[in-house]
Amino acid sequence: MKNESAAVIAICDRETEYACHLGEYVKSGASFPVRIRIFTGAEKLLSILNPKETALLVIAESEYDDRMERAGFPAILLLNESGRFLDHPKNVSKYQSMDVLCGEIFSLCKKTCAEEAPSVHHGEPLQRIAFFTPCSRSLQTTLALTLSEVLSERGRVLYLNFEPFPAWSVFSPGTSQGSMRELLFTSDTDREKFAERLTGAAERIGSFDAVPPVPSFPELRKVKAKQWVDLLDALGTFTDYQYVILDLTTAVDGFSDLLETCSRIFTITGEDSISQAKLAAYQALLKQEERTKIIAQTAYLQLPLFQTLPKGAADLGSGPVAAFVRRALSDERR
């Protein structure tokens, strides 16, 4: 493959369990870097996904219509459910073994990627790690920043804050010449200059990079889900970061869809009755919306009572919070 970045394979099927199982099978069997995107319906897929950045669309027959062809996907594999095979697009029985399905997927994906222009991204695929909790005063941002510092011992890290009213000045050195607002515009209109804009917008906090958040709550609410997806895809294609940490809130349009793209999600819990009720309501919503991937990728963190908290960037790599984060990472790898 000429393109050394992760190939994006989109899987669209209302049978969420099947789609997630196929995605995991593809990811574990691929001999080249892949990024799996799961969608439970055609409408959501078309509203979020950028066909030009997708190596292959794998879609159930029940979700397929001619809009997929008009959208401009470079390759489509139809999962045939009726037994009435079409001449176009290429289709295979959905009820074949996973090995047969993956063989077709890898063949089409490699062919598509071989025809693409080389990416400027090198190295391992970007890992997206999110923090989100419905519980108030949970130290979510403190833990997200601490994780960014700890992970910087393993590779390059970028931290992104999605709070409507962030306390950015506490940790920011004030060296940035921009914010996520400029990156959102660049990633959508001028991809070749994205890395240059990122260099100007990013600032150093401890041993990792961070981009200041969108400056105001009204502006944050105006950003659409597809713009966030385009921004994160650009980070994976045009930079050499190994990790991006998403400090998410419900103020972000399509925040659940962003969570679904993450390889790991940390949700902080609380022992008090109000926190437990909020957590239960959040978990009920995930089940109601069949967000099985979010459920599977979430690790719940019960925080101890920390005697001291980081007061600035210099404190993020040491102290009780950093020790807690390192233990949590160690537990994750077992």
C-alpha atoms as a PDB file:
ATOM      1  CA  MET A   1       0.000   0.000   0.000  1.00  0.00           C
ATOM      2  CA  LYS A   2       1.307   3.440  -0.845  1.00  0.00           C
ATOM      3  CA  ASN A   3      -0.721   5.068   1.923  1.00  0.00           C
ATOM      4  CA  GLU A   4       0.882   4.247   5.267  1.00  0.00           C
ATOM      5  CA  SER A   5      -1.876   5.852   7.358  1.00  0.00           C
ATOM      6  CA  ALA A   6      -4.807   3.870   8.689  1.00  0.00           C
ATOM      7  CA  ALA A   7      -7.372   2.946   6.053  1.00  0.00           C
ATOM      8  CA  VAL A   8     -10.877   3.958   7.104  1.00  0.00           C
ATOM      9  CA  ILE A   9     -13.409   1.138   6.694  1.00  0.00           C
ATOM     10  CA  ALA A  10     -17.030   2.117   7.381  1.00  0.00           C
ATOM     11  CA  ILE A  11     -19.532  -0.585   8.338  1.00  0.00           C
ATOM     12  CA  CYS A  12     -23.247   0.267   8.171  1.00  0.00           C
ATOM     13  CA  ASP A  13     -25.810  -2.184   9.567  1.00  0.00           C
ATOM     14  CA  ARG A  14     -28.748  -1.769  11.954  1.00  0.00           C
ATOM     15  CA  GLU A  15     -27.730  -5.045  13.579  1.00  0.00           C
ATOM     16  CA  THR A  16     -25.280  -3.298  15.888  1.00  0.00           C
ATOM     17  CA  GLU A  17     -23.875  -6.440  17.462  1.00  0.00           C
ATOM     18  CA  TYR A  18     -23.129  -7.914  14.023  1.00  0.00           C
ATOM     19  CA  ALA A  19     -21.502  -4.700  12.799  1.00  0.00           C
ATOM     20  CA  CYS A  20     -19.289  -4.390  15.883  1.00  0.00           C
ATOM     21  CA  HIS A  21     -18.292  -8.055  15.675  1.00  0.00           C
ATOM     22  CA  LEU A  22     -17.362  -7.688  12.008  1.00  0.00           C
ATOM     23  CA  GLY A  23     -15.413  -4.527  12.787  1.00  0.00           C
ATOM     24  CA  GLU A  24     -13.395  -6.214  15.527  1.00  0.00           C
ATOM     25  CA  TYR A  25     -12.737  -9.211  13.268  1.00  0.00           C
ATOM     26  CA  VAL A  26     -11.485  -6.947  10.482  1.00  0.00           C
ATOM     27  CA  LYS A  27      -9.299  -4.950  12.852  1.00  0.00           C
ATOM     28  CA  SER A  28      -7.712  -8.038  14.392  1.00  0.00           C
ATOM     29  CA  GLY A  29      -7.064  -9.733  11.043  1.00  0.00           C
ATOM     30  CA  ALA A  30      -5.777  -6.810   8.975  1.00  0.00           C
ATOM     31  CA  SER A  31      -2.144  -6.877   7.891  1.00  0.00           C
ATOM     32  CA  PHE A  32      -2.163  -3.090   7.494  1.00  0.00           C
ATOM     33  CA  PRO A  33      -3.384  -0.208   9.714  1.00  0.00           C
ATOM     34  CA  VAL A  34      -7.165   0.173   9.648  1.00  0.00           C
ATOM     35  CA  ARG A  35      -9.642   2.427  11.409  1.00  0.00           C
ATOM     36  CA  ILE A  36     -13.167   1.056  11.759  1.00  0.00           C
ATOM     37  CA  ARG A  37     -16.221   3.338  11.772  1.00  0.00           C
ATOM     38  CA  ILE A  38     -19.547   1.761  12.796  1.00  0.00           C
ATOM     39  CA  PHE A  39     -22.909   3.228  11.735  1.00  0.00           C
ATOM     40  CA  THR A  40     -26.358   1.883  12.591  1.00  0.00           C
ATOM     41  CA  GLY A  41     -28.216   3.617   9.763  1.00  0.00           C
ATOM     42  CA  ALA A  42     -27.718   5.163   6.327  1.00  0.00           C
ATOM     43  CA  GLU A  43     -28.912   8.622   7.375  1.00  0.00           C
ATOM     44  CA  LYS A  44     -26.346   8.885  10.155  1.00  0.00           C
ATOM     45  CA  LEU A  45     -23.603   7.578   7.877  1.00  0.00           C
ATOM     46  CA  LEU A  46     -24.308  10.116   5.129  1.00  0.00           C
ATOM     47  CA  SER A  47     -24.530  13.012   7.569  1.00  0.00           C
ATOM     48  CA  ILE A  48     -21.230  12.263   9.321  1.00  0.00           C
ATOM     49  CA  LEU A  49     -18.854  10.349   7.073  1.00  0.00           C
ATOM     50  CA  ASN A  50     -16.666  11.936   4.402  1.00  0.00           C
ATOM     51  CA  PRO A  51     -16.660   9.438   1.482  1.00  0.00           C
ATOM     52  CA  LYS A  52     -13.386  10.820   0.097  1.00  0.00           C
ATOM     53  CA  GLU A  53     -11.609   9.825   3.312  1.00  0.00           C
ATOM     54  CA  THR A  54     -13.038   6.314   3.354  1.00  0.00           C
ATOM     55  CA  ALA A  55     -11.225   3.409   1.740  1.00  0.00           C
ATOM     56  CA  LEU A  56     -14.278   1.135   1.770  1.00  0.00           C
ATOM     57  CA  LEU A  57     -17.958   1.197   2.722  1.00  0.00           C
ATOM     58  CA  VAL A  58     -19.343  -2.154   3.888  1.00  0.00           C
ATOM     59  CA  ILE A  59     -23.122  -1.830   4.031  1.00  0.00           C
ATOM     60  CA  ALA A  60     -26.084  -4.130   4.652  1.00  0.00           C
ATOM     61  CA  GLU A  61     -28.471  -4.529   1.737  1.00  0.00           C
ATOM     62  CA  SER A  62     -31.331  -3.174   3.871  1.00  0.00           C
ATOM     63  CA  GLU A  63     -29.446   0.126   4.343  1.00  0.00           C
ATOM     64  CA  TYR A  64     -28.223   0.546   0.771  1.00  0.00           C
ATOM     65  CA  ASP A  65     -29.709   2.877  -1.859  1.00  0.00           C
ATOM     66  CA  ASP A  66     -28.398   4.910  -4.791  1.00  0.00           C
ATOM     67  CA  ARG A  67     -27.349   7.771  -2.489  1.00  0.00           C
ATOM     68  CA  MET A  68     -24.298   5.689  -1.603  1.00  0.00           C
ATOM     69  CA  GLU A  69     -23.177   5.718  -5.236  1.00  0.00           C
ATOM     70  CA  ARG A  70     -23.833   9.436  -5.605  1.00  0.00           C
ATOM     71  CA  ALA A  71     -21.898  10.181  -2.384  1.00  0.00           C
ATOM     72  CA  GLY A  72     -18.663   9.138  -4.094  1.00  0.00           C
ATOM     73  CA  PHE A  73     -17.331   6.277  -1.962  1.00  0.00           C
ATOM     74  CA  PRO A  74     -14.240   4.866  -3.715  1.00  0.00           C
ATOM     75  CA  ALA A  75     -15.391   1.277  -3.049  1.00  0.00           C
ATOM     76  CA  ILE A  76     -18.582  -0.332  -1.734  1.00  0.00           C
ATOM     77  CA  LEU A  77     -19.158  -3.888  -0.565  1.00  0.00           C
ATOM     78  CA  LEU A  78     -22.822  -4.825  -0.178  1.00  0.00           C
ATOM     79  CA  LEU A  79     -23.711  -7.381   2.486  1.00  0.00           C
ATOM     80  CA  ASN A  80     -26.413  -9.329   0.631  1.00  0.00           C
ATOM     81  CA  GLU A  81     -29.334 -10.314   2.862  1.00  0.00           C
ATOM     82  CA  SER A  82     -31.989 -11.358   0.333  1.00  0.00           C
ATOM     83  CA  GLY A  83     -30.069 -13.765  -1.900  1.00  0.00           C
ATOM     84  CA  ARG A  84     -30.869 -11.636  -4.981  1.00  0.00           C
ATOM     85  CA  PHE A  85     -27.344 -10.691  -5.954  1.00  0.00           C
ATOM     86  CA  LEU A  86     -26.792  -7.489  -7.927  1.00  0.00           C
ATOM     87  CA  ASP A  87     -24.393  -6.782 -10.764  1.00  0.00           C
ATOM     88  CA  HIS A  88     -23.345  -3.607  -8.968  1.00  0.00           C
ATOM     89  CA  PRO A  89     -22.042  -2.798  -6.417  1.00  0.00           C
ATOM     90  CA  LYS A  90     -19.873  -5.762  -5.547  1.00  0.00           C
ATOM     91  CA  ASN A  91     -21.767  -7.902  -3.058  1.00  0.00           C
ATOM     92  CA  VAL A  92     -21.262 -10.948  -0.906  1.00  0.00           C
ATOM     93  CA  SER A  93     -23.611 -12.893   1.338  1.00  0.00           C
ATOM     94  CA  LYS A  94     -23.830 -11.323   4.775  1.00  0.00           C
ATOM     95  CA  TYR A  95     -24.090 -14.837   6.214  1.00  0.00           C
ATOM     96  CA  GLN A  96     -20.725 -16.041   4.919  1.00  0.00           C
ATOM     97  CA  SER A  97     -18.039 -16.833   7.453  1.00  0.00           C
ATOM     98  CA  MET A  98     -16.125 -13.871   8.849  1.00  0.00           C
ATOM     99  CA  ASP A  99     -12.978 -15.145   7.144  1.00  0.00           C
ATOM    100  CA  VAL A 100     -14.648 -14.965   3.716  1.00  0.00           C
ATOM    101  CA  LEU A 101     -16.062 -11.511   4.423  1.00  0.00           C
ATOM    102  CA  CYS A 102     -12.707 -10.213   5.625  1.00  0.00           C
ATOM    103  CA  GLY A 103     -10.997 -11.604   2.528  1.00  0.00           C
ATOM    104  CA  GLU A 104     -13.314  -9.533   0.327  1.00  0.00           C
ATOM    105  CA  ILE A 105     -12.913  -6.476   2.541  1.00  0.00           C
ATOM    106  CA  PHE A 106      -9.111  -6.617   2.583  1.00  0.00           C
ATOM    107  CA  SER A 107      -8.953  -7.143  -1.187  1.00  0.00           C
ATOM    108  CA  LEU A 108     -11.135  -4.122  -1.956  1.00  0.00           C
ATOM    109  CA  CYS A 109      -9.501  -1.960   0.682  1.00  0.00           C
ATOM    110  CA  LYS A 110      -5.963  -2.620  -0.509  1.00  0.00           C
ATOM    111  CA  LYS A 111      -6.950  -1.903  -4.096  1.00  0.00           C
ATOM    112  CA  THR A 112      -8.500   1.423  -3.099  1.00  0.00           C
ATOM    113  CA  CYS A 113      -5.604   2.517  -0.904  1.00  0.00           C
ATOM    114  CA  ALA A 114      -3.042   1.617  -3.566  1.00  0.00           C
ATOM    115  CA  GLU A 115      -4.678   4.144  -5.885  1.00  0.00           C
ATOM    116  CA  GLU A 116      -4.639   6.991  -3.355  1.00  0.00           C
ATOM    117  CA  ALA A 117      -1.982   9.656  -3.042  1.00  0.00           C
ATOM    118  CA  PRO A 118       0.542   9.123  -0.253  1.00  0.00           C
ATOM    119  CA  SER A 119      -0.345  10.501   3.171  1.00  0.00           C
ATOM    120  CA  VAL A 120       1.966  12.811   5.081  1.00  0.00           C
ATOM    121  CA  HIS A 121       1.262  10.841   8.275  1.00  0.00           C
ATOM    122  CA  HIS A 122       3.821   8.253   9.326  1.00  0.00           C
ATOM    123  CA  GLY A 123       3.976   5.764  12.187  1.00  0.00           C
ATOM    124  CA  GLU A 124       1.230   4.086  14.196  1.00  0.00           C
ATOM    125  CA  PRO A 125      -2.440   5.011  13.710  1.00  0.00           C
ATOM    126  CA  LEU A 126      -3.715   7.778  15.957  1.00  0.00           C
ATOM    127  CA  GLN A 127      -5.451   6.466  19.076  1.00  0.00           C
ATOM    128  CA  ARG A 128      -8.470   8.440  20.262  1.00  0.00           C
ATOM    129  CA  ILE A 129      -9.075   8.341  24.006  1.00  0.00           C
ATOM    130  CA  ALA A 130     -12.058  10.168  25.468  1.00  0.00           C
ATOM    131  CA  PHE A 131     -13.115  11.352  28.888  1.00  0.00           C
ATOM    132  CA  PHE A 132     -16.811  11.866  29.458  1.00  0.00           C
ATOM    133  CA  THR A 133     -18.919  11.681  32.588  1.00  0.00           C
ATOM    134  CA  PRO A 134     -22.431  12.926  33.373  1.00  0.00           C
ATOM    135  CA  CYS A 135     -21.373  13.521  36.992  1.00  0.00           C
ATOM    136  CA  SER A 136     -20.631  17.089  38.088  1.00  0.00           C
ATOM    137  CA  ARG A 137     -17.382  18.203  39.751  1.00  0.00           C
ATOM    138  CA  SER A 138     -15.742  14.909  38.832  1.00  0.00           C
ATOM    139  CA  LEU A 139     -12.153  16.114  38.112  1.00  0.00           C
ATOM    140  CA  GLN A 140     -12.615  15.003  34.503  1.00  0.00           C
ATOM    141  CA  THR A 141     -10.361  17.707  33.049  1.00  0.00           C
ATOM    142  CA  THR A 142      -7.708  17.151  35.717  1.00  0.00           C
ATOM    143  CA  LEU A 143      -7.578  13.441  34.887  1.00  0.00           C
ATOM    144  CA  ALA A 144      -7.625  14.056  31.120  1.00  0.00           C
ATOM    145  CA  LEU A 145      -4.687  16.449  31.377  1.00  0.00           C
ATOM    146  CA  THR A 146      -2.834  14.064  33.685  1.00  0.00           C
ATOM    147  CA  LEU A 147      -3.380  11.178  31.275  1.00  0.00           C
ATOM    148  CA  SER A 148      -1.999  13.357  28.482  1.00  0.00           C
ATOM    149  CA  GLU A 149       1.175  13.947  30.501  1.00  0.00           C
ATOM    150  CA  VAL A 150       1.548  10.271  31.449  1.00  0.00           C
ATOM    151  CA  LEU A 151       0.980   9.039  27.876  1.00  0.00           C
ATOM    152  CA  SER A 152       3.572  11.508  26.575  1.00  0.00           C
ATOM    153  CA  GLU A 153       6.127   9.102  28.055  1.00  0.00           C
ATOM    154  CA  ARG A 154       5.077   6.640  25.324  1.00  0.00           C
ATOM    155  CA  GLY A 155       4.531   8.909  22.320  1.00  0.00           C
ATOM    156  CA  ARG A 156       3.301  12.249  21.017  1.00  0.00           C
ATOM    157  CA  VAL A 157       0.043  13.411  22.613  1.00  0.00           C
ATOM    158  CA  LEU A 158      -2.472  16.107  21.664  1.00  0.00           C
ATOM    159  CA  TYR A 159      -5.108  17.227  24.182  1.00  0.00           C
ATOM    160  CA  LEU A 160      -8.394  18.797  23.039  1.00  0.00           C
ATOM    161  CA  ASN A 161     -10.875  20.426  25.406  1.00  0.00           C
ATOM    162  CA  PHE A 162     -14.589  20.588  24.521  1.00  0.00           C
ATOM    163  CA  GLU A 163     -15.919  22.353  27.610  1.00  0.00           C
ATOM    164  CA  PRO A 164     -18.335  25.262  27.051  1.00  0.00           C
ATOM    165  CA  PHE A 165     -16.648  27.286  29.835  1.00  0.00           C
ATOM    166  CA  PRO A 166     -13.099  25.892  30.222  1.00  0.00           C
ATOM    167  CA  ALA A 167     -10.665  27.048  32.894  1.00  0.00           C
ATOM    168  CA  TRP A 168      -7.988  27.176  30.224  1.00  0.00           C
ATOM    169  CA  SER A 169      -5.774  29.850  31.808  1.00  0.00           C
ATOM    170  CA  VAL A 170      -4.907  27.553  34.738  1.00  0.00           C
ATOM    171  CA  PHE A 171      -2.720  25.323  32.571  1.00  0.00           C
ATOM    172  CA  SER A 172      -2.177  27.334  29.384  1.00  0.00           C
ATOM    173  CA  PRO A 173       1.157  29.117  28.849  1.00  0.00           C
ATOM    174  CA  GLY A 174      -0.659  31.549  26.533  1.00  0.00           C
ATOM    175  CA  THR A 175       1.609  30.928  23.545  1.00  0.00           C
ATOM    176  CA  SER A 176      -1.037  29.827  21.057  1.00  0.00           C
ATOM    177  CA  GLN A 177      -1.854  31.927  17.993  1.00  0.00           C
ATOM    178  CA  GLY A 178      -5.204  30.250  17.401  1.00  0.00           C
ATOM    179  CA  SER A 179      -7.755  27.758  18.659  1.00  0.00           C
ATOM    180  CA  MET A 180      -9.775  24.786  17.480  1.00  0.00           C
ATOM    181  CA  ARG A 181     -11.932  27.269  15.566  1.00  0.00           C
ATOM    182  CA  GLU A 182      -9.169  27.864  12.992  1.00  0.00           C
ATOM    183  CA  LEU A 183      -8.405  24.146  12.734  1.00  0.00           C
ATOM    184  CA  LEU A 184     -12.067  23.336  12.080  1.00  0.00           C
ATOM    185  CA  PHE A 185     -12.060  25.740   9.155  1.00  0.00           C
ATOM    186  CA  THR A 186      -8.730  24.509   7.777  1.00  0.00           C
ATOM    187  CA  SER A 187      -9.511  20.780   8.024  1.00  0.00           C
ATOM    188  CA  ASP A 188     -12.668  21.331   5.985  1.00  0.00           C
ATOM    189  CA  THR A 189     -11.327  23.659   3.281  1.00  0.00           C
ATOM    190  CA  ASP A 190      -7.545  23.441   2.964  1.00  0.00           C
ATOM    191  CA  ARG A 191      -6.233  20.089   4.117  1.00  0.00           C
ATOM    192  CA  GLU A 192      -2.670  20.618   2.842  1.00  0.00           C
ATOM    193  CA  LYS A 193      -2.165  23.548   5.219  1.00  0.00           C
ATOM    194  CA  PHE A 194      -3.643  21.758   8.204  1.00  0.00           C
ATOM    195  CA  ALA A 195      -0.337  20.742   9.795  1.00  0.00           C
ATOM    196  CA  GLU A 196       0.981  24.305   9.456  1.00  0.00           C
ATOM    197  CA  ARG A 197      -2.124  25.760  11.136  1.00  0.00           C
ATOM    198  CA  LEU A 198      -1.895  23.161  13.893  1.00  0.00           C
ATOM    199  CA  THR A 199       1.677  24.198  14.663  1.00  0.00           C
ATOM    200  CA  GLY A 200       0.514  27.786  15.141  1.00  0.00           C
ATOM    201  CA  ALA A 201      -2.509  26.868  17.248  1.00  0.00           C
ATOM    202  CA  ALA A 202      -0.943  24.233  19.505  1.00  0.00           C
ATOM    203  CA  GLU A 203       0.890  25.103  22.691  1.00  0.00           C
ATOM    204  CA  ARG A 204       3.049  23.049  24.981  1.00  0.00           C
ATOM    205  CA  ILE A 205       1.649  21.993  28.345  1.00  0.00           C
ATOM    206  CA  GLY A 206       4.167  19.903  30.253  1.00  0.00           C
ATOM    207  CA  SER A 207       5.329  17.227  27.794  1.00  0.00           C
ATOM    208  CA  PHE A 208       2.290  17.209  25.499  1.00  0.00           C
ATOM    209  CA  ASP A 209       0.587  19.550  23.029  1.00  0.00           C
ATOM    210  CA  ALA A 210      -2.820  21.148  23.430  1.00  0.00           C
ATOM    211  CA  VAL A 211      -5.016  23.329  21.254  1.00  0.00           C
ATOM    212  CA  PRO A 212      -7.080  26.007  23.039  1.00  0.00           C
ATOM    213  CA  PRO A 213     -10.808  25.286  22.896  1.00  0.00           C
ATOM    214  CA  VAL A 214     -13.364  27.133  20.777  1.00  0.00           C
ATOM    215  CA  PRO A 215     -13.417  30.595  22.425  1.00  0.00           C
ATOM    216  CA  SER A 216     -17.081  30.826  23.437  1.00  0.00           C
ATOM    217  CA  PHE A 217     -20.067  28.632  24.219  1.00  0.00           C
ATOM    218  CA  PRO A 218     -22.237  30.078  21.391  1.00  0.00           C
ATOM    219  CA  GLU A 219     -19.467  29.340  18.877  1.00  0.00           C
ATOM    220  CA  LEU A 220     -19.034  25.814  20.256  1.00  0.00           C
ATOM    221  CA  ARG A 221     -22.737  25.100  19.788  1.00  0.00           C
ATOM    222  CA  LYS A 222     -22.542  26.181  16.136  1.00  0.00           C
ATOM    223  CA  VAL A 223     -19.920  23.556  15.251  1.00  0.00           C
ATOM    224  CA  LYS A 224     -21.588  20.580  13.557  1.00  0.00           C
ATOM    225  CA  ALA A 225     -20.793  16.923  14.165  1.00  0.00           C
ATOM    226  CA  LYS A 226     -19.277  16.477  10.703  1.00  0.00           C
ATOM    227  CA  GLN A 227     -16.799  19.299  11.357  1.00  0.00           C
ATOM    228  CA  TRP A 228     -15.551  17.538  14.488  1.00  0.00           C
ATOM    229  CA  VAL A 229     -15.224  14.273  12.555  1.00  0.00           C
ATOM    230  CA  ASP A 230     -13.278  16.030   9.784  1.00  0.00           C
ATOM    231  CA  LEU A 231     -10.959  17.618  12.343  1.00  0.00           C
ATOM    232  CA  LEU A 232     -10.139  14.314  14.045  1.00  0.00           C
ATOM    233  CA  ASP A 233      -9.680  12.545  10.706  1.00  0.00           C
ATOM    234  CA  ALA A 234      -7.256  15.292   9.642  1.00  0.00           C
ATOM    235  CA  LEU A 235      -5.269  14.776  12.838  1.00  0.00           C
ATOM    236  CA  GLY A 236      -4.972  11.077  12.017  1.00  0.00           C
ATOM    237  CA  THR A 237      -3.910  11.721   8.433  1.00  0.00           C
ATOM    238  CA  PHE A 238      -1.710  14.813   8.523  1.00  0.00           C
ATOM    239  CA  THR A 239       0.109  14.605  11.867  1.00  0.00           C
ATOM    240  CA  ASP A 240       2.413  12.232  13.705  1.00  0.00           C
ATOM    241  CA  TYR A 241       0.553  12.197  17.016  1.00  0.00           C
ATOM    242  CA  GLN A 242       0.122   8.758  18.573  1.00  0.00           C
ATOM    243  CA  TYR A 243      -2.652   9.825  20.966  1.00  0.00           C
ATOM    244  CA  VAL A 244      -5.388  12.449  20.995  1.00  0.00           C
ATOM    245  CA  ILE A 245      -7.205  12.978  24.304  1.00  0.00           C
ATOM    246  CA  LEU A 246     -10.773  14.265  23.970  1.00  0.00           C
ATOM    247  CA  ASP A 247     -12.121  16.049  27.054  1.00  0.00           C
ATOM    248  CA  LEU A 248     -15.770  15.814  25.950  1.00  0.00           C
ATOM    249  CA  THR A 249     -19.035  17.354  27.130  1.00  0.00           C
ATOM    250  CA  THR A 250     -22.628  17.198  25.935  1.00  0.00           C
ATOM    251  CA  ALA A 251     -22.241  20.741  24.591  1.00  0.00           C
ATOM    252  CA  VAL A 252     -20.596  19.163  21.525  1.00  0.00           C
ATOM    253  CA  ASP A 253     -22.895  18.374  18.602  1.00  0.00           C
ATOM    254  CA  GLY A 254     -22.821  14.629  17.953  1.00  0.00           C
ATOM    255  CA  PHE A 255     -20.791  13.882  21.076  1.00  0.00           C
ATOM    256  CA  SER A 256     -22.076  10.269  21.208  1.00  0.00           C
ATOM    257  CA  ASP A 257     -20.906   9.703  17.642  1.00  0.00           C
ATOM    258  CA  LEU A 258     -17.464  11.047  18.576  1.00  0.00           C
ATOM    259  CA  LEU A 259     -17.368   8.694  21.550  1.00  0.00           C
ATOM    260  CA  GLU A 260     -18.037   5.776  19.201  1.00  0.00           C
ATOM    261  CA  THR A 261     -14.863   6.575  17.250  1.00  0.00           C
ATOM    262  CA  CYS A 262     -12.663   6.256  20.341  1.00  0.00           C
ATOM    263  CA  SER A 263     -10.643   3.177  21.207  1.00  0.00           C
ATOM    264  CA  ARG A 264     -11.101   3.883  24.929  1.00  0.00           C
ATOM    265  CA  ILE A 265     -13.509   5.972  26.986  1.00  0.00           C
ATOM    266  CA  PHE A 266     -13.014   6.843  30.650  1.00  0.00           C
ATOM    267  CA  THR A 267     -16.112   7.702  32.669  1.00  0.00           C
ATOM    268  CA  ILE A 268     -15.675   8.926  36.234  1.00  0.00           C
ATOM    269  CA  THR A 269     -18.256   7.746  38.742  1.00  0.00           C
ATOM    270  CA  GLY A 270     -19.278   9.101  42.140  1.00  0.00           C
ATOM    271  CA  GLU A 271     -20.448   7.471  45.331  1.00  0.00           C
ATOM    272  CA  ASP A 272     -23.169  10.012  46.206  1.00  0.00           C
ATOM    273  CA  SER A 273     -26.776   9.329  45.244  1.00  0.00           C
ATOM    274  CA  ILE A 274     -27.023  12.209  42.745  1.00  0.00           C
ATOM    275  CA  SER A 275     -23.929  11.053  40.826  1.00  0.00           C
ATOM    276  CA  GLN A 276     -25.208   7.477  40.813  1.00  0.00           C
ATOM    277  CA  ALA A 277     -28.589   8.627  39.455  1.00  0.00           C
ATOM    278  CA  LYS A 278     -26.930  10.659  36.690  1.00  0.00           C
ATOM    279  CA  LEU A 279     -24.713   7.726  35.750  1.00  0.00           C
ATOM    280  CA  ALA A 280     -27.699   5.362  35.646  1.00  0.00           C
ATOM    281  CA  ALA A 281     -29.594   7.767  33.369  1.00  0.00           C
ATOM    282  CA  TYR A 282     -26.574   8.012  31.036  1.00  0.00           C
ATOM    283  CA  GLN A 283     -26.170   4.227  30.891  1.00  0.00           C
ATOM    284  CA  ALA A 284     -29.897   3.806  30.206  1.00  0.00           C
ATOM    285  CA  LEU A 285     -29.621   6.230  27.284  1.00  0.00           C
ATOM    286  CA  LEU A 286     -26.693   4.282  25.808  1.00  0.00           C
ATOM    287  CA  LYS A 287     -28.737   1.077  25.933  1.00  0.00           C
ATOM    288  CA  GLN A 288     -31.823   2.785  24.507  1.00  0.00           C
ATOM    289  CA  GLU A 289     -29.819   4.153  21.557  1.00  0.00           C
ATOM    290  CA  GLU A 290     -28.003   0.815  21.161  1.00  0.00           C
ATOM    291  CA  ARG A 291     -24.601   2.417  21.606  1.00  0.00           C
ATOM    292  CA  THR A 292     -22.993  -0.954  22.153  1.00  0.00           C
ATOM    293  CA  LYS A 293     -19.535   0.181  21.097  1.00  0.00           C
ATOM    294  CA  ILE A 294     -19.506   2.988  23.658  1.00  0.00           C
ATOM    295  CA  ILE A 295     -20.602   0.537  26.335  1.00  0.00           C
ATOM    296  CA  ALA A 296     -17.879  -1.935  25.352  1.00  0.00           C
ATOM    297  CA  GLN A 297     -15.117   0.687  25.182  1.00  0.00           C
ATOM    298  CA  THR A 298     -15.906   2.418  28.481  1.00  0.00           C
ATOM    299  CA  ALA A 299     -13.845   1.997  31.645  1.00  0.00           C
ATOM    300  CA  TYR A 300     -15.423   3.368  34.823  1.00  0.00           C
ATOM    301  CA  LEU A 301     -13.158   5.123  37.308  1.00  0.00           C
ATOM    302  CA  GLN A 302     -14.035   5.481  40.987  1.00  0.00           C
ATOM    303  CA  LEU A 303     -11.736   8.191  42.301  1.00  0.00           C
ATOM    304  CA  PRO A 304     -10.190   8.111  45.780  1.00  0.00           C
ATOM    305  CA  LEU A 305     -10.036  11.240  47.911  1.00  0.00           C
ATOM    306  CA  PHE A 306      -6.887  12.981  46.655  1.00  0.00           C
ATOM    307  CA  GLN A 307      -4.946  14.876  49.293  1.00  0.00           C
ATOM    308  CA  THR A 308      -3.465  17.222  46.682  1.00  0.00           C
ATOM    309  CA  LEU A 309      -4.373  18.159  43.112  1.00  0.00           C
ATOM    310  CA  PRO A 310      -2.176  19.537  40.306  1.00  0.00           C
ATOM    311  CA  LYS A 311      -1.985  23.322  40.463  1.00  0.00           C
ATOM    312  CA  GLY A 312      -0.370  23.705  37.060  1.00  0.00           C
ATOM    313  CA  ALA A 313       1.390  21.951  34.204  1.00  0.00           C
ATOM    314  CA  ALA A 314       4.503  21.201  36.278  1.00  0.00           C
ATOM    315  CA  ASP A 315       2.439  19.062  38.679  1.00  0.00           C
ATOM    316  CA  LEU A 316       0.718  16.830  36.116  1.00  0.00           C
ATOM    317  CA  GLY A 317       3.382  14.107  35.944  1.00  0.00           C
ATOM    318  CA  SER A 318       3.729  13.496  39.672  1.00  0.00           C
ATOM    319  CA  GLY A 319       1.601  13.324  42.790  1.00  0.00           C
ATOM    320  CA  PRO A 320      -1.428  11.191  43.734  1.00  0.00           C
ATOM    321  CA  VAL A 321      -3.483  11.920  40.606  1.00  0.00           C
ATOM    322  CA  ALA A 322      -0.641  10.856  38.298  1.00  0.00           C
ATOM    323  CA  ALA A 323      -0.129   7.717  40.403  1.00  0.00           C
ATOM    324  CA  PHE A 324      -3.831   6.891  40.100  1.00  0.00           C
ATOM    325  CA  VAL A 325      -3.757   7.365  36.299  1.00  0.00           C
ATOM    326  CA  ARG A 326      -0.695   5.135  35.956  1.00  0.00           C
ATOM    327  CA  ARG A 327      -2.417   2.394  37.964  1.00  0.00           C
ATOM    328  CA  ALA A 328      -5.517   2.707  35.779  1.00  0.00           C
ATOM    329  CA  LEU A 329      -3.407   2.357  32.633  1.00  0.00           C
ATOM    330  CA  SER A 330      -1.603  -0.636  34.101  1.00  0.00           C
ATOM    331  CA  ASP A 331      -4.941  -2.306  34.864  1.00  0.00           C
ATOM    332  CA  GLU A 332      -6.093  -1.607  31.291  1.00  0.00           C
ATOM    333  CA  ARG A 333      -3.119  -3.493  29.825  1.00  0.00           C
ATOM    334  CA  ARG A 334      -3.694  -6.665  31.849  1.00  0.00           C
END
